[in-house]
Amino acid sequence: MAISQQEFHDAVLFILGQIPKGKVTTYGKIAQLAGYPNHSRHVGKILSKLPSDTSIPWHRVINGQGRISFPEHSERYHVQKDKLEHEGISFLNGRINLKQIGWQP
């Protein structure tokens, strides 16, 4: 049985709230946990509509290659990278090691 768009939205926000400090997950993993494994772009859309002062840890979501999805020289990229580094997450050649830092609920 399919869930509604609002239920998917709520599930995504709930899952985001569960990602612990110092861990990351991917758009695809969130979509999978919400019951729609092929909807990672929809997760990105939900995140893009969050208010700038949200307490939801949006910055802990990266792409499946272990990279921040924003363009590397953009302000949003640097905000996300700074937030992750502040939590002790390190980058090697622009990537986060998902095997070490990836959140697996």
N, C-alpha and C. Protein backbone atom coordinates (compact mmCIF):
# COMPACT_ATOMS: atom_id res chain seq x y z
N MET A 1 0.84 -1.18 0.00
CA MET A 1 0.00 0.00 0.00
C MET A 1 0.89 1.25 0.00
N ALA A 2 0.58 2.17 -0.85
CA ALA A 2 1.36 3.40 -0.99
C ALA A 2 1.02 4.36 0.15
N ILE A 3 2.03 5.12 0.54
CA ILE A 3 1.78 6.16 1.54
C ILE A 3 1.60 7.49 0.82
N SER A 4 0.98 8.41 1.51
CA SER A 4 0.74 9.72 0.89
C SER A 4 2.02 10.53 0.85
N GLN A 5 1.98 11.59 0.07
CA GLN A 5 3.12 12.49 -0.03
C GLN A 5 3.44 13.10 1.33
N GLN A 6 2.42 13.43 2.10
CA GLN A 6 2.63 14.00 3.43
C GLN A 6 3.26 12.97 4.37
N GLU A 7 2.82 11.71 4.27
CA GLU A 7 3.40 10.66 5.11
C GLU A 7 4.87 10.44 4.76
N PHE A 8 5.19 10.49 3.47
CA PHE A 8 6.59 10.36 3.04
C PHE A 8 7.41 11.53 3.61
N HIS A 9 6.89 12.73 3.47
CA HIS A 9 7.55 13.93 3.99
C HIS A 9 7.80 13.79 5.49
N ASP A 10 6.77 13.39 6.23
CA ASP A 10 6.90 13.22 7.68
C ASP A 10 7.90 12.13 8.03
N ALA A 11 7.89 11.04 7.27
CA ALA A 11 8.84 9.94 7.52
C ALA A 11 10.27 10.41 7.29
N VAL A 12 10.49 11.18 6.23
CA VAL A 12 11.83 11.71 5.94
C VAL A 12 12.31 12.59 7.09
N LEU A 13 11.47 13.48 7.56
CA LEU A 13 11.86 14.37 8.66
C LEU A 13 12.12 13.58 9.94
N PHE A 14 11.31 12.56 10.20
CA PHE A 14 11.52 11.72 11.38
C PHE A 14 12.88 11.02 11.29
N ILE A 15 13.17 10.44 10.15
CA ILE A 15 14.44 9.73 9.95
C ILE A 15 15.62 10.69 10.11
N LEU A 16 15.51 11.86 9.51
CA LEU A 16 16.57 12.87 9.65
C LEU A 16 16.87 13.17 11.11
N GLY A 17 15.84 13.26 11.91
CA GLY A 17 16.01 13.55 13.31
C GLY A 17 16.70 12.44 14.09
N GLN A 18 16.79 11.26 13.51
CA GLN A 18 17.41 10.12 14.18
C GLN A 18 18.91 10.00 13.91
N ILE A 19 19.41 10.70 12.92
CA ILE A 19 20.83 10.58 12.55
C ILE A 19 21.67 11.19 13.67
N PRO A 20 22.51 10.38 14.31
CA PRO A 20 23.29 10.91 15.43
C PRO A 20 24.42 11.84 15.01
N LYS A 21 24.78 12.71 15.92
CA LYS A 21 25.91 13.61 15.71
C LYS A 21 27.15 12.77 15.40
N GLY A 22 27.93 13.22 14.41
CA GLY A 22 29.14 12.50 14.03
C GLY A 22 28.92 11.38 13.04
N LYS A 23 27.70 11.24 12.55
CA LYS A 23 27.37 10.23 11.54
C LYS A 23 26.70 10.92 10.35
N VAL A 24 26.72 10.25 9.22
CA VAL A 24 26.04 10.75 8.02
C VAL A 24 25.26 9.59 7.40
N THR A 25 24.35 9.95 6.53
CA THR A 25 23.66 8.96 5.72
C THR A 25 23.42 9.57 4.35
N THR A 26 22.86 8.78 3.45
CA THR A 26 22.66 9.25 2.08
C THR A 26 21.18 9.53 1.82
N TYR A 27 20.96 10.30 0.77
CA TYR A 27 19.59 10.56 0.33
C TYR A 27 18.88 9.24 0.04
N GLY A 28 19.60 8.34 -0.61
CA GLY A 28 19.03 7.04 -0.96
C GLY A 28 18.67 6.21 0.25
N LYS A 29 19.49 6.23 1.28
CA LYS A 29 19.21 5.46 2.50
C LYS A 29 17.97 6.00 3.19
N ILE A 30 17.83 7.31 3.22
CA ILE A 30 16.63 7.90 3.83
C ILE A 30 15.39 7.50 3.04
N ALA A 31 15.47 7.57 1.73
CA ALA A 31 14.34 7.17 0.89
C ALA A 31 13.98 5.70 1.14
N GLN A 32 15.00 4.87 1.23
CA GLN A 32 14.78 3.44 1.50
C GLN A 32 14.10 3.24 2.85
N LEU A 33 14.60 3.89 3.88
CA LEU A 33 14.02 3.77 5.22
C LEU A 33 12.58 4.29 5.27
N ALA A 34 12.28 5.28 4.42
CA ALA A 34 10.92 5.84 4.38
C ALA A 34 9.97 4.97 3.55
N GLY A 35 10.52 3.92 2.92
CA GLY A 35 9.68 2.99 2.18
C GLY A 35 9.66 3.21 0.68
N TYR A 36 10.45 4.15 0.18
CA TYR A 36 10.51 4.44 -1.25
C TYR A 36 11.96 4.50 -1.71
N PRO A 37 12.57 3.34 -1.93
CA PRO A 37 14.01 3.29 -2.22
C PRO A 37 14.45 4.02 -3.49
N ASN A 38 13.58 4.31 -4.39
CA ASN A 38 13.97 5.00 -5.63
C ASN A 38 13.59 6.48 -5.62
N HIS A 39 13.45 7.04 -4.45
CA HIS A 39 13.00 8.43 -4.34
C HIS A 39 14.01 9.35 -3.65
N SER A 40 15.28 9.11 -3.88
CA SER A 40 16.30 9.93 -3.22
C SER A 40 16.21 11.39 -3.64
N ARG A 41 15.84 11.66 -4.88
CA ARG A 41 15.69 13.06 -5.31
C ARG A 41 14.58 13.77 -4.55
N HIS A 42 13.55 13.03 -4.20
CA HIS A 42 12.45 13.61 -3.42
C HIS A 42 12.93 13.98 -2.01
N VAL A 43 13.83 13.16 -1.48
CA VAL A 43 14.42 13.50 -0.17
C VAL A 43 15.17 14.83 -0.30
N GLY A 44 15.94 14.97 -1.36
CA GLY A 44 16.66 16.22 -1.60
C GLY A 44 15.73 17.42 -1.71
N LYS A 45 14.59 17.23 -2.36
CA LYS A 45 13.61 18.32 -2.49
C LYS A 45 13.07 18.73 -1.12
N ILE A 46 12.78 17.73 -0.29
CA ILE A 46 12.28 18.03 1.06
C ILE A 46 13.33 18.82 1.83
N LEU A 47 14.58 18.39 1.75
CA LEU A 47 15.64 19.09 2.47
C LEU A 47 15.81 20.51 1.95
N SER A 48 15.67 20.70 0.66
CA SER A 48 15.87 22.03 0.08
C SER A 48 14.81 23.03 0.54
N LYS A 49 13.69 22.53 1.03
CA LYS A 49 12.60 23.42 1.46
C LYS A 49 12.60 23.67 2.97
N LEU A 50 13.58 23.12 3.68
CA LEU A 50 13.66 23.37 5.12
C LEU A 50 14.06 24.83 5.36
N PRO A 51 13.52 25.44 6.40
CA PRO A 51 13.93 26.82 6.71
C PRO A 51 15.40 26.86 7.12
N SER A 52 16.04 27.97 6.89
CA SER A 52 17.48 28.09 7.17
C SER A 52 17.80 27.95 8.65
N ASP A 53 16.84 28.21 9.52
CA ASP A 53 17.10 28.10 10.96
C ASP A 53 16.59 26.80 11.56
N THR A 54 16.39 25.78 10.74
CA THR A 54 15.86 24.51 11.22
C THR A 54 16.85 23.82 12.16
N SER A 55 16.31 23.07 13.10
CA SER A 55 17.15 22.28 14.00
C SER A 55 17.31 20.85 13.48
N ILE A 56 16.63 20.53 12.39
CA ILE A 56 16.74 19.21 11.77
C ILE A 56 18.14 19.09 11.16
N PRO A 57 18.86 18.00 11.44
CA PRO A 57 20.25 17.88 10.99
C PRO A 57 20.40 17.52 9.50
N TRP A 58 19.95 18.39 8.65
CA TRP A 58 20.00 18.20 7.20
C TRP A 58 21.44 18.01 6.71
N HIS A 59 22.38 18.61 7.41
CA HIS A 59 23.78 18.59 6.98
C HIS A 59 24.39 17.18 7.07
N ARG A 60 23.73 16.26 7.74
CA ARG A 60 24.23 14.90 7.88
C ARG A 60 23.83 14.01 6.72
N VAL A 61 23.27 14.60 5.67
CA VAL A 61 22.85 13.84 4.49
C VAL A 61 23.76 14.20 3.33
N ILE A 62 24.37 13.16 2.74
CA ILE A 62 25.28 13.35 1.61
C ILE A 62 24.89 12.39 0.50
N ASN A 63 25.57 12.46 -0.62
CA ASN A 63 25.21 11.58 -1.72
C ASN A 63 25.86 10.20 -1.56
N GLY A 64 25.48 9.28 -2.41
CA GLY A 64 25.95 7.91 -2.32
C GLY A 64 27.43 7.72 -2.57
N GLN A 65 28.10 8.72 -3.10
CA GLN A 65 29.55 8.66 -3.31
C GLN A 65 30.32 9.20 -2.11
N GLY A 66 29.58 9.59 -1.06
CA GLY A 66 30.24 10.13 0.13
C GLY A 66 30.59 11.60 0.01
N ARG A 67 29.97 12.27 -0.92
CA ARG A 67 30.27 13.69 -1.15
C ARG A 67 29.07 14.58 -0.82
N ILE A 68 29.37 15.82 -0.53
CA ILE A 68 28.34 16.85 -0.39
C ILE A 68 27.80 17.12 -1.79
N SER A 69 26.49 17.24 -1.89
CA SER A 69 25.88 17.40 -3.22
C SER A 69 25.92 18.82 -3.78
N PHE A 70 26.13 19.81 -2.93
CA PHE A 70 26.20 21.18 -3.42
C PHE A 70 27.48 21.38 -4.23
N PRO A 71 27.48 22.32 -5.17
CA PRO A 71 28.73 22.63 -5.90
C PRO A 71 29.83 23.02 -4.92
N GLU A 72 31.02 22.52 -5.15
CA GLU A 72 32.12 22.64 -4.20
C GLU A 72 32.47 24.07 -3.80
N HIS A 73 32.27 25.02 -4.66
CA HIS A 73 32.66 26.39 -4.32
C HIS A 73 31.47 27.25 -3.89
N SER A 74 30.34 26.61 -3.63
CA SER A 74 29.15 27.37 -3.22
C SER A 74 29.14 27.60 -1.71
N GLU A 75 28.40 28.60 -1.30
CA GLU A 75 28.28 28.90 0.13
C GLU A 75 27.62 27.72 0.86
N ARG A 76 26.61 27.12 0.25
CA ARG A 76 25.90 26.01 0.88
C ARG A 76 26.83 24.82 1.11
N TYR A 77 27.73 24.57 0.17
CA TYR A 77 28.72 23.51 0.33
C TYR A 77 29.56 23.77 1.57
N HIS A 78 30.05 25.00 1.70
CA HIS A 78 30.93 25.34 2.82
C HIS A 78 30.18 25.32 4.16
N VAL A 79 28.91 25.71 4.17
CA VAL A 79 28.11 25.64 5.40
C VAL A 79 27.98 24.19 5.83
N GLN A 80 27.63 23.31 4.89
CA GLN A 80 27.47 21.90 5.23
C GLN A 80 28.79 21.28 5.67
N LYS A 81 29.85 21.56 4.94
CA LYS A 81 31.16 21.00 5.29
C LYS A 81 31.60 21.47 6.67
N ASP A 82 31.41 22.75 6.98
CA ASP A 82 31.78 23.29 8.28
C ASP A 82 30.99 22.61 9.40
N LYS A 83 29.68 22.42 9.18
CA LYS A 83 28.85 21.76 10.20
C LYS A 83 29.34 20.33 10.44
N LEU A 84 29.66 19.62 9.37
CA LEU A 84 30.13 18.24 9.51
C LEU A 84 31.49 18.18 10.21
N GLU A 85 32.39 19.05 9.81
CA GLU A 85 33.71 19.08 10.45
C GLU A 85 33.60 19.45 11.92
N HIS A 86 32.68 20.33 12.24
CA HIS A 86 32.45 20.71 13.63
C HIS A 86 32.02 19.51 14.48
N GLU A 87 31.37 18.53 13.84
CA GLU A 87 30.94 17.31 14.52
C GLU A 87 32.03 16.24 14.51
N GLY A 88 33.20 16.58 13.98
CA GLY A 88 34.31 15.63 13.97
C GLY A 88 34.40 14.75 12.74
N ILE A 89 33.61 15.06 11.73
CA ILE A 89 33.64 14.27 10.49
C ILE A 89 34.72 14.82 9.59
N SER A 90 35.59 13.93 9.11
CA SER A 90 36.69 14.37 8.25
C SER A 90 36.44 13.95 6.81
N PHE A 91 37.10 14.67 5.92
CA PHE A 91 37.00 14.45 4.49
C PHE A 91 38.37 14.03 3.97
N LEU A 92 38.38 13.13 3.02
CA LEU A 92 39.60 12.76 2.32
C LEU A 92 39.32 12.92 0.84
N ASN A 93 40.00 13.86 0.20
CA ASN A 93 39.76 14.17 -1.22
C ASN A 93 38.29 14.50 -1.48
N GLY A 94 37.70 15.26 -0.56
CA GLY A 94 36.32 15.71 -0.74
C GLY A 94 35.26 14.67 -0.40
N ARG A 95 35.68 13.53 0.14
CA ARG A 95 34.73 12.46 0.44
C ARG A 95 34.75 12.09 1.92
N ILE A 96 33.61 11.57 2.35
CA ILE A 96 33.47 11.02 3.69
C ILE A 96 33.43 9.50 3.52
N ASN A 97 34.12 8.80 4.39
CA ASN A 97 34.15 7.34 4.34
C ASN A 97 32.83 6.82 4.91
N LEU A 98 31.93 6.41 4.03
CA LEU A 98 30.61 5.95 4.46
C LEU A 98 30.68 4.66 5.27
N LYS A 99 31.69 3.84 5.04
CA LYS A 99 31.82 2.60 5.81
C LYS A 99 32.14 2.89 7.27
N GLN A 100 32.88 3.95 7.52
CA GLN A 100 33.25 4.32 8.89
C GLN A 100 32.23 5.24 9.53
N ILE A 101 31.74 6.21 8.79
CA ILE A 101 30.93 7.30 9.35
C ILE A 101 29.44 7.13 9.00
N GLY A 102 29.13 6.21 8.10
CA GLY A 102 27.74 6.04 7.68
C GLY A 102 26.85 5.50 8.79
N TRP A 103 25.69 6.09 8.91
CA TRP A 103 24.70 5.68 9.92
C TRP A 103 23.89 4.52 9.39
N GLN A 104 23.83 3.46 10.17
CA GLN A 104 23.04 2.28 9.83
C GLN A 104 22.06 2.00 10.98
N PRO A 105 20.84 2.44 10.86
CA PRO A 105 19.87 2.23 11.95
C PRO A 105 19.53 0.75 12.14
